[in-house]
């Protein structure tokens, strides 16, 4: 109702709206509804969750002496050994991330069509597939990363608020 009040189209009684809207009034309602959906927008919590998922380091591959020896023979230094900076993803964290991404996907499915220049069919269908899918056992991190990148792709298509 607040959208109709903002558009100046609310009738005299609660929930009453004029049945015959002109084209200008319809455009005003559509604009206000779009702004209302955008106001729901993307929370800071989602940005933090995306950052958490994408900042997990994968377990580094074990060093092979054979490959290092080959590098030294060609005059290159051996590969530096990288240790993971972050602990592995727990089941509780994975469930928390999946829940947050499901909620964000629902909001994006409602808001993105109004914010993107063209309808993001491919990106939204990927979000729906990831929302409806399940992470394979032991493969939650790659699954969550794919989902995070799909969310970022939709956010990129939606553009800035300004």
N, C-alpha and C. Protein backbone atom coordinates (compact mmCIF):
# COMPACT_ATOMS: atom_id res chain seq x y z
N UNK A 1 0.82 -1.18 0.00
CA UNK A 1 0.00 0.00 0.00
C UNK A 1 0.87 1.25 0.00
N UNK A 2 2.02 1.18 0.66
CA UNK A 2 2.87 2.36 0.70
C UNK A 2 3.36 2.74 -0.70
N UNK A 3 3.49 1.75 -1.57
CA UNK A 3 3.89 2.04 -2.95
C UNK A 3 2.81 2.85 -3.64
N UNK A 4 1.56 2.48 -3.40
CA UNK A 4 0.47 3.23 -4.02
C UNK A 4 0.36 4.63 -3.42
N UNK A 5 0.59 4.75 -2.13
CA UNK A 5 0.60 6.08 -1.51
C UNK A 5 1.70 6.93 -2.12
N UNK A 6 2.87 6.33 -2.31
CA UNK A 6 4.00 7.06 -2.88
C UNK A 6 3.69 7.50 -4.30
N UNK A 7 2.99 6.65 -5.04
CA UNK A 7 2.64 6.99 -6.42
C UNK A 7 1.44 7.93 -6.48
N UNK A 8 0.79 8.14 -5.34
CA UNK A 8 -0.37 9.03 -5.31
C UNK A 8 -1.61 8.39 -5.89
N UNK A 9 -1.73 7.05 -5.79
CA UNK A 9 -2.84 6.36 -6.43
C UNK A 9 -3.74 5.64 -5.45
N UNK A 10 -3.50 5.77 -4.16
CA UNK A 10 -4.33 5.09 -3.18
C UNK A 10 -5.72 5.72 -3.16
N UNK A 11 -6.72 4.87 -3.06
CA UNK A 11 -8.10 5.35 -3.02
C UNK A 11 -8.46 5.84 -1.62
N UNK A 12 -9.74 6.22 -1.43
CA UNK A 12 -10.16 6.77 -0.15
C UNK A 12 -10.15 5.74 0.98
N UNK A 13 -10.46 4.49 0.71
CA UNK A 13 -10.52 3.47 1.76
C UNK A 13 -9.24 2.64 1.79
N UNK A 14 -9.09 1.82 2.84
CA UNK A 14 -7.90 0.97 2.90
C UNK A 14 -7.94 -0.08 1.79
N UNK A 15 -6.89 -0.15 1.03
CA UNK A 15 -6.78 -1.12 -0.05
C UNK A 15 -7.55 -0.74 -1.30
N UNK A 16 -8.17 0.42 -1.33
CA UNK A 16 -8.95 0.82 -2.50
C UNK A 16 -8.04 1.49 -3.52
N UNK A 17 -8.12 1.02 -4.75
CA UNK A 17 -7.34 1.58 -5.84
C UNK A 17 -8.29 1.79 -7.01
N UNK A 18 -8.10 2.87 -7.69
CA UNK A 18 -8.94 3.16 -8.84
C UNK A 18 -8.79 2.05 -9.87
N UNK A 19 -9.90 1.54 -10.38
CA UNK A 19 -9.88 0.42 -11.32
C UNK A 19 -9.34 0.84 -12.68
N UNK A 20 -9.60 2.06 -13.08
CA UNK A 20 -9.18 2.52 -14.40
C UNK A 20 -7.96 3.42 -14.24
N UNK A 21 -6.79 2.83 -14.42
CA UNK A 21 -5.55 3.60 -14.32
C UNK A 21 -5.12 4.04 -15.71
N UNK A 22 -4.68 5.27 -15.80
CA UNK A 22 -4.16 5.75 -17.09
C UNK A 22 -2.77 5.18 -17.29
N UNK A 23 -2.25 5.33 -18.50
CA UNK A 23 -0.91 4.84 -18.79
C UNK A 23 0.13 5.51 -17.89
N UNK A 24 -0.03 6.79 -17.66
CA UNK A 24 0.92 7.51 -16.81
C UNK A 24 0.88 6.96 -15.39
N UNK A 25 -0.30 6.68 -14.88
CA UNK A 25 -0.42 6.13 -13.53
C UNK A 25 0.18 4.74 -13.46
N UNK A 26 -0.03 3.93 -14.50
CA UNK A 26 0.56 2.59 -14.54
C UNK A 26 2.08 2.67 -14.53
N UNK A 27 2.63 3.62 -15.30
CA UNK A 27 4.08 3.78 -15.31
C UNK A 27 4.59 4.21 -13.94
N UNK A 28 3.85 5.09 -13.27
CA UNK A 28 4.25 5.54 -11.94
C UNK A 28 4.23 4.38 -10.94
N UNK A 29 3.20 3.53 -11.01
CA UNK A 29 3.12 2.36 -10.13
C UNK A 29 4.27 1.40 -10.42
N UNK A 30 4.53 1.14 -11.71
CA UNK A 30 5.63 0.24 -12.07
C UNK A 30 6.96 0.78 -11.57
N UNK A 31 7.17 2.09 -11.71
CA UNK A 31 8.41 2.70 -11.23
C UNK A 31 8.54 2.56 -9.71
N UNK A 32 7.46 2.83 -8.99
CA UNK A 32 7.49 2.75 -7.53
C UNK A 32 7.66 1.31 -7.05
N UNK A 33 7.03 0.35 -7.74
CA UNK A 33 7.22 -1.05 -7.38
C UNK A 33 8.66 -1.48 -7.61
N UNK A 34 9.23 -1.03 -8.72
CA UNK A 34 10.62 -1.36 -8.99
C UNK A 34 11.53 -0.79 -7.91
N UNK A 35 11.29 0.46 -7.55
CA UNK A 35 12.09 1.08 -6.50
C UNK A 35 11.91 0.36 -5.18
N UNK A 36 10.70 -0.11 -4.92
CA UNK A 36 10.42 -0.84 -3.69
C UNK A 36 11.20 -2.15 -3.66
N UNK A 37 11.22 -2.87 -4.79
CA UNK A 37 11.98 -4.12 -4.85
C UNK A 37 13.47 -3.85 -4.69
N UNK A 38 13.95 -2.80 -5.30
CA UNK A 38 15.36 -2.47 -5.21
C UNK A 38 15.72 -2.08 -3.79
N UNK A 39 14.78 -1.45 -3.07
CA UNK A 39 15.05 -1.05 -1.69
C UNK A 39 15.32 -2.27 -0.82
N UNK A 40 14.68 -3.42 -1.16
CA UNK A 40 15.00 -4.64 -0.42
C UNK A 40 16.45 -4.99 -0.62
N UNK A 41 16.89 -4.85 -1.84
CA UNK A 41 18.27 -4.91 -2.23
C UNK A 41 19.14 -6.00 -1.65
N UNK A 42 20.39 -5.72 -1.65
CA UNK A 42 21.41 -6.67 -1.24
C UNK A 42 21.97 -6.21 0.09
N UNK A 43 21.91 -7.07 1.06
CA UNK A 43 22.35 -6.69 2.39
C UNK A 43 23.88 -6.84 2.51
N UNK A 44 24.38 -6.18 3.51
CA UNK A 44 25.82 -6.27 3.82
C UNK A 44 26.17 -7.69 4.23
N UNK A 45 25.21 -8.39 4.84
CA UNK A 45 25.42 -9.78 5.26
C UNK A 45 25.76 -10.67 4.06
N UNK A 46 25.09 -10.44 2.94
CA UNK A 46 25.37 -11.24 1.75
C UNK A 46 26.79 -10.96 1.24
N UNK A 47 27.19 -9.71 1.25
CA UNK A 47 28.53 -9.36 0.78
C UNK A 47 29.59 -10.03 1.66
N UNK A 48 29.36 -10.03 2.97
CA UNK A 48 30.29 -10.68 3.90
C UNK A 48 30.32 -12.18 3.65
N UNK A 49 29.16 -12.78 3.41
CA UNK A 49 29.10 -14.22 3.15
C UNK A 49 29.82 -14.58 1.86
N UNK A 50 29.63 -13.78 0.81
CA UNK A 50 30.34 -14.02 -0.45
C UNK A 50 31.85 -13.94 -0.24
N UNK A 51 32.28 -12.94 0.52
CA UNK A 51 33.70 -12.79 0.80
C UNK A 51 34.24 -13.98 1.58
N UNK A 52 33.48 -14.46 2.56
CA UNK A 52 33.93 -15.61 3.34
C UNK A 52 34.09 -16.84 2.46
N UNK A 53 33.10 -17.10 1.61
CA UNK A 53 33.16 -18.30 0.77
C UNK A 53 34.32 -18.21 -0.22
N UNK A 54 34.50 -17.06 -0.82
CA UNK A 54 35.55 -16.93 -1.83
C UNK A 54 36.94 -16.78 -1.23
N UNK A 55 37.04 -16.53 0.09
CA UNK A 55 38.36 -16.36 0.69
C UNK A 55 38.95 -17.66 1.23
N UNK A 56 38.16 -18.73 1.26
CA UNK A 56 38.72 -20.01 1.70
C UNK A 56 39.76 -20.47 0.70
N UNK A 57 40.93 -20.84 1.21
CA UNK A 57 42.00 -21.33 0.33
C UNK A 57 41.82 -22.82 0.12
N UNK A 58 42.05 -23.29 -1.09
CA UNK A 58 41.99 -24.73 -1.30
C UNK A 58 43.24 -25.38 -0.69
N UNK A 59 43.14 -26.64 -0.43
CA UNK A 59 44.31 -27.35 0.06
C UNK A 59 45.34 -27.38 -1.06
N UNK A 60 46.55 -26.97 -0.75
CA UNK A 60 47.57 -26.89 -1.79
C UNK A 60 47.99 -28.29 -2.22
N UNK A 61 48.36 -28.40 -3.47
CA UNK A 61 48.79 -29.68 -4.03
C UNK A 61 50.15 -30.05 -3.42
N UNK A 62 50.35 -31.33 -3.18
CA UNK A 62 51.64 -31.73 -2.62
C UNK A 62 52.76 -31.47 -3.61
N UNK A 63 53.91 -31.15 -3.09
CA UNK A 63 55.07 -30.89 -3.94
C UNK A 63 55.60 -32.18 -4.52
N UNK A 64 55.95 -32.13 -5.76
CA UNK A 64 56.58 -33.29 -6.39
C UNK A 64 58.01 -32.92 -6.72
N UNK A 65 58.92 -33.75 -6.26
CA UNK A 65 60.34 -33.47 -6.51
C UNK A 65 60.67 -33.55 -8.00
N UNK A 66 59.98 -34.41 -8.70
CA UNK A 66 60.25 -34.57 -10.12
C UNK A 66 59.98 -33.26 -10.87
N UNK A 67 58.84 -32.63 -10.59
CA UNK A 67 58.49 -31.38 -11.26
C UNK A 67 59.45 -30.27 -10.84
N UNK A 68 59.78 -30.23 -9.54
CA UNK A 68 60.73 -29.22 -9.07
C UNK A 68 62.10 -29.40 -9.74
N UNK A 69 62.52 -30.66 -9.90
CA UNK A 69 63.80 -30.93 -10.57
C UNK A 69 63.77 -30.47 -12.01
N UNK A 70 62.65 -30.65 -12.69
CA UNK A 70 62.51 -30.20 -14.06
C UNK A 70 62.62 -28.68 -14.14
N UNK A 71 61.97 -27.99 -13.20
CA UNK A 71 62.03 -26.53 -13.18
C UNK A 71 63.47 -26.05 -12.97
N UNK A 72 64.20 -26.70 -12.07
CA UNK A 72 65.59 -26.30 -11.79
C UNK A 72 66.46 -26.53 -13.02
N UNK A 73 66.24 -27.66 -13.72
CA UNK A 73 67.04 -27.96 -14.91
C UNK A 73 66.86 -26.93 -16.02
N UNK A 74 65.64 -26.37 -16.11
CA UNK A 74 65.42 -25.37 -17.15
C UNK A 74 65.80 -23.97 -16.69
N UNK A 75 66.29 -23.87 -15.46
CA UNK A 75 66.75 -22.58 -14.98
C UNK A 75 65.72 -21.79 -14.21
N UNK A 76 64.63 -22.43 -13.84
CA UNK A 76 63.59 -21.74 -13.06
C UNK A 76 63.67 -22.17 -11.60
N UNK A 77 63.23 -21.31 -10.71
CA UNK A 77 63.25 -21.70 -9.29
C UNK A 77 62.14 -22.71 -9.00
N UNK A 78 62.31 -23.54 -8.00
CA UNK A 78 61.24 -24.49 -7.65
C UNK A 78 60.01 -23.74 -7.15
N UNK A 79 58.87 -24.41 -7.25
CA UNK A 79 57.62 -23.79 -6.82
C UNK A 79 57.65 -23.54 -5.32
N UNK A 80 57.16 -22.38 -4.90
CA UNK A 80 57.06 -22.15 -3.46
C UNK A 80 55.94 -23.00 -2.88
N UNK A 81 56.16 -23.52 -1.70
CA UNK A 81 55.14 -24.34 -1.04
C UNK A 81 54.15 -23.42 -0.34
N UNK A 82 52.88 -23.53 -0.71
CA UNK A 82 51.83 -22.71 -0.11
C UNK A 82 51.06 -23.55 0.90
N UNK A 83 50.93 -23.03 2.10
CA UNK A 83 50.14 -23.69 3.11
C UNK A 83 48.78 -23.01 3.19
N UNK A 84 47.73 -23.76 3.42
CA UNK A 84 46.42 -23.12 3.53
C UNK A 84 46.37 -22.20 4.74
N UNK A 85 45.81 -21.01 4.54
CA UNK A 85 45.71 -20.03 5.61
C UNK A 85 44.44 -20.20 6.43
N UNK A 86 43.47 -20.92 5.91
CA UNK A 86 42.17 -21.02 6.54
C UNK A 86 41.86 -22.49 6.79
N UNK A 87 41.18 -22.76 7.89
CA UNK A 87 40.79 -24.13 8.19
C UNK A 87 39.77 -24.61 7.17
N UNK A 88 39.60 -25.91 7.09
CA UNK A 88 38.65 -26.47 6.13
C UNK A 88 37.23 -26.06 6.51
N UNK A 89 36.35 -26.13 5.54
CA UNK A 89 34.96 -25.71 5.71
C UNK A 89 34.21 -26.77 6.52
N UNK A 90 33.63 -26.35 7.64
CA UNK A 90 32.87 -27.29 8.48
C UNK A 90 31.47 -27.46 7.92
N UNK A 91 30.80 -28.52 8.37
CA UNK A 91 29.43 -28.78 7.92
C UNK A 91 28.48 -27.67 8.37
N UNK A 92 28.71 -27.12 9.57
CA UNK A 92 27.87 -26.05 10.07
C UNK A 92 28.03 -24.78 9.22
N UNK A 93 29.28 -24.48 8.86
CA UNK A 93 29.52 -23.31 8.01
C UNK A 93 28.89 -23.50 6.64
N UNK A 94 29.03 -24.71 6.10
CA UNK A 94 28.45 -24.98 4.78
C UNK A 94 26.93 -24.82 4.83
N UNK A 95 26.29 -25.33 5.89
CA UNK A 95 24.84 -25.19 6.02
C UNK A 95 24.44 -23.72 6.16
N UNK A 96 25.24 -22.96 6.88
CA UNK A 96 24.95 -21.53 7.05
C UNK A 96 25.07 -20.79 5.72
N UNK A 97 26.13 -21.10 4.96
CA UNK A 97 26.33 -20.46 3.66
C UNK A 97 25.21 -20.84 2.69
N UNK A 98 24.84 -22.10 2.68
CA UNK A 98 23.78 -22.56 1.76
C UNK A 98 22.46 -21.87 2.09
N UNK A 99 22.15 -21.77 3.39
CA UNK A 99 20.91 -21.08 3.79
C UNK A 99 20.94 -19.62 3.35
N UNK A 100 22.06 -18.95 3.56
CA UNK A 100 22.17 -17.53 3.18
C UNK A 100 22.07 -17.37 1.67
N UNK A 101 22.71 -18.25 0.91
CA UNK A 101 22.65 -18.16 -0.55
C UNK A 101 21.25 -18.47 -1.07
N UNK A 102 20.52 -19.38 -0.42
CA UNK A 102 19.14 -19.66 -0.84
C UNK A 102 18.26 -18.42 -0.66
N UNK A 103 18.41 -17.75 0.47
CA UNK A 103 17.63 -16.53 0.71
C UNK A 103 18.01 -15.44 -0.29
N UNK A 104 19.32 -15.30 -0.55
CA UNK A 104 19.77 -14.28 -1.50
C UNK A 104 19.28 -14.59 -2.90
N UNK A 105 19.28 -15.87 -3.27
CA UNK A 105 18.81 -16.26 -4.60
C UNK A 105 17.35 -15.90 -4.77
N UNK A 106 16.54 -16.11 -3.72
CA UNK A 106 15.12 -15.77 -3.80
C UNK A 106 14.94 -14.27 -4.03
N UNK A 107 15.70 -13.45 -3.33
CA UNK A 107 15.61 -12.00 -3.51
C UNK A 107 16.08 -11.60 -4.90
N UNK A 108 17.19 -12.19 -5.35
CA UNK A 108 17.73 -11.84 -6.67
C UNK A 108 16.76 -12.24 -7.79
N UNK A 109 16.07 -13.36 -7.62
CA UNK A 109 15.10 -13.77 -8.64
C UNK A 109 13.97 -12.76 -8.77
N UNK A 110 13.66 -12.06 -7.70
CA UNK A 110 12.61 -11.06 -7.73
C UNK A 110 13.11 -9.71 -8.22
N UNK A 111 14.33 -9.34 -7.83
CA UNK A 111 14.82 -7.99 -8.08
C UNK A 111 15.58 -7.87 -9.40
N UNK A 112 16.38 -8.86 -9.76
CA UNK A 112 17.27 -8.76 -10.92
C UNK A 112 16.57 -8.42 -12.23
N UNK A 113 15.40 -9.01 -12.53
CA UNK A 113 14.77 -8.65 -13.80
C UNK A 113 14.46 -7.16 -13.94
N UNK A 114 14.26 -6.48 -12.82
CA UNK A 114 13.93 -5.05 -12.87
C UNK A 114 15.18 -4.17 -12.88
N UNK A 115 16.30 -4.72 -12.49
CA UNK A 115 17.52 -3.92 -12.38
C UNK A 115 18.48 -4.13 -13.55
N UNK A 116 18.40 -5.27 -14.22
CA UNK A 116 19.32 -5.54 -15.33
C UNK A 116 18.78 -4.90 -16.61
N UNK A 117 19.69 -4.54 -17.50
CA UNK A 117 19.27 -3.94 -18.77
C UNK A 117 18.47 -4.92 -19.60
N UNK A 118 18.98 -6.14 -19.72
CA UNK A 118 18.25 -7.20 -20.40
C UNK A 118 17.97 -8.30 -19.40
N UNK A 119 16.95 -9.07 -19.65
CA UNK A 119 16.58 -10.13 -18.70
C UNK A 119 17.71 -11.15 -18.61
N UNK A 120 18.27 -11.36 -17.42
CA UNK A 120 19.42 -12.27 -17.26
C UNK A 120 19.00 -13.74 -17.20
N UNK A 121 18.52 -14.27 -18.30
CA UNK A 121 17.97 -15.62 -18.34
C UNK A 121 18.98 -16.68 -17.91
N UNK A 122 20.15 -16.66 -18.52
CA UNK A 122 21.16 -17.68 -18.24
C UNK A 122 21.62 -17.62 -16.79
N UNK A 123 21.86 -16.43 -16.29
CA UNK A 123 22.36 -16.27 -14.93
C UNK A 123 21.31 -16.68 -13.90
N UNK A 124 20.06 -16.30 -14.14
CA UNK A 124 19.01 -16.67 -13.19
C UNK A 124 18.71 -18.16 -13.23
N UNK A 125 18.79 -18.77 -14.41
CA UNK A 125 18.57 -20.22 -14.47
C UNK A 125 19.69 -20.97 -13.76
N UNK A 126 20.91 -20.45 -13.81
CA UNK A 126 22.02 -21.05 -13.07
C UNK A 126 21.78 -20.92 -11.56
N UNK A 127 21.30 -19.75 -11.12
CA UNK A 127 20.98 -19.57 -9.70
C UNK A 127 19.91 -20.56 -9.25
N UNK A 128 18.88 -20.75 -10.07
CA UNK A 128 17.81 -21.68 -9.71
C UNK A 128 18.35 -23.11 -9.64
N UNK A 129 19.20 -23.47 -10.60
CA UNK A 129 19.78 -24.82 -10.60
C UNK A 129 20.64 -25.05 -9.36
N UNK A 130 21.43 -24.06 -8.98
CA UNK A 130 22.27 -24.20 -7.79
C UNK A 130 21.42 -24.21 -6.52
N UNK A 131 20.36 -23.42 -6.49
CA UNK A 131 19.47 -23.41 -5.33
C UNK A 131 18.79 -24.75 -5.15
N UNK A 132 18.36 -25.36 -6.26
CA UNK A 132 17.64 -26.63 -6.20
C UNK A 132 18.57 -27.83 -6.08
N UNK A 133 19.85 -27.65 -6.36
CA UNK A 133 20.80 -28.75 -6.30
C UNK A 133 21.32 -28.97 -4.90
N UNK A 134 22.19 -29.95 -4.78
CA UNK A 134 22.81 -30.27 -3.50
C UNK A 134 24.31 -30.43 -3.71
N UNK A 135 25.05 -30.02 -2.71
CA UNK A 135 26.51 -30.16 -2.77
C UNK A 135 26.87 -31.64 -2.63
N UNK A 136 27.79 -32.13 -3.46
CA UNK A 136 28.21 -33.52 -3.31
C UNK A 136 28.94 -33.71 -1.98
N UNK A 137 28.93 -34.91 -1.44
CA UNK A 137 29.63 -35.14 -0.17
C UNK A 137 31.11 -34.77 -0.28
N UNK A 138 31.55 -33.94 0.62
CA UNK A 138 32.94 -33.50 0.61
C UNK A 138 33.24 -32.43 -0.42
N UNK A 139 32.25 -32.00 -1.17
CA UNK A 139 32.46 -31.01 -2.22
C UNK A 139 31.67 -29.74 -2.01
N UNK A 140 31.44 -29.39 -0.75
CA UNK A 140 30.62 -28.21 -0.46
C UNK A 140 31.32 -26.92 -0.88
N UNK A 141 32.63 -26.84 -0.68
CA UNK A 141 33.33 -25.60 -0.99
C UNK A 141 33.29 -25.26 -2.48
N UNK A 142 33.62 -26.20 -3.39
CA UNK A 142 33.50 -25.85 -4.82
C UNK A 142 32.07 -25.50 -5.23
N UNK A 143 31.09 -26.21 -4.65
CA UNK A 143 29.69 -25.92 -4.93
C UNK A 143 29.32 -24.52 -4.48
N UNK A 144 29.74 -24.15 -3.27
CA UNK A 144 29.46 -22.82 -2.75
C UNK A 144 30.18 -21.74 -3.55
N UNK A 145 31.37 -22.04 -4.02
CA UNK A 145 32.09 -21.06 -4.85
C UNK A 145 31.38 -20.82 -6.17
N UNK A 146 30.88 -21.89 -6.79
CA UNK A 146 30.12 -21.73 -8.03
C UNK A 146 28.88 -20.87 -7.77
N UNK A 147 28.21 -21.13 -6.67
CA UNK A 147 27.01 -20.38 -6.31
C UNK A 147 27.36 -18.92 -6.04
N UNK A 148 28.46 -18.68 -5.32
CA UNK A 148 28.88 -17.30 -5.03
C UNK A 148 29.21 -16.56 -6.32
N UNK A 149 29.89 -17.22 -7.25
CA UNK A 149 30.22 -16.58 -8.52
C UNK A 149 28.98 -16.31 -9.36
N UNK A 150 27.99 -17.20 -9.28
CA UNK A 150 26.72 -16.97 -9.99
C UNK A 150 25.99 -15.77 -9.40
N UNK A 151 26.02 -15.64 -8.08
CA UNK A 151 25.39 -14.48 -7.43
C UNK A 151 26.12 -13.20 -7.84
N UNK A 152 27.45 -13.25 -7.86
CA UNK A 152 28.22 -12.08 -8.27
C UNK A 152 27.94 -11.69 -9.72
N UNK A 153 27.73 -12.68 -10.58
CA UNK A 153 27.42 -12.40 -11.99
C UNK A 153 26.09 -11.66 -12.09
N UNK A 154 25.10 -12.07 -11.32
CA UNK A 154 23.80 -11.40 -11.34
C UNK A 154 23.94 -9.98 -10.77
N UNK A 155 24.67 -9.86 -9.67
CA UNK A 155 24.89 -8.52 -9.09
C UNK A 155 25.60 -7.60 -10.07
N UNK A 156 26.53 -8.15 -10.82
CA UNK A 156 27.25 -7.36 -11.82
C UNK A 156 26.30 -6.89 -12.91
N UNK A 157 25.39 -7.75 -13.34
CA UNK A 157 24.41 -7.36 -14.36
C UNK A 157 23.43 -6.32 -13.85
N UNK A 158 23.16 -6.36 -12.55
CA UNK A 158 22.23 -5.39 -11.98
C UNK A 158 22.86 -4.00 -11.90
N UNK A 159 24.15 -3.92 -11.82
CA UNK A 159 24.82 -2.61 -11.81
C UNK A 159 24.79 -1.97 -10.44
N UNK A 160 25.27 -0.73 -10.41
CA UNK A 160 25.33 0.03 -9.18
C UNK A 160 23.99 0.65 -8.86
N UNK A 161 23.83 1.02 -7.60
CA UNK A 161 22.60 1.69 -7.18
C UNK A 161 22.52 3.11 -7.69
N UNK A 162 23.64 3.69 -8.01
CA UNK A 162 23.66 5.12 -8.37
C UNK A 162 23.47 5.33 -9.84
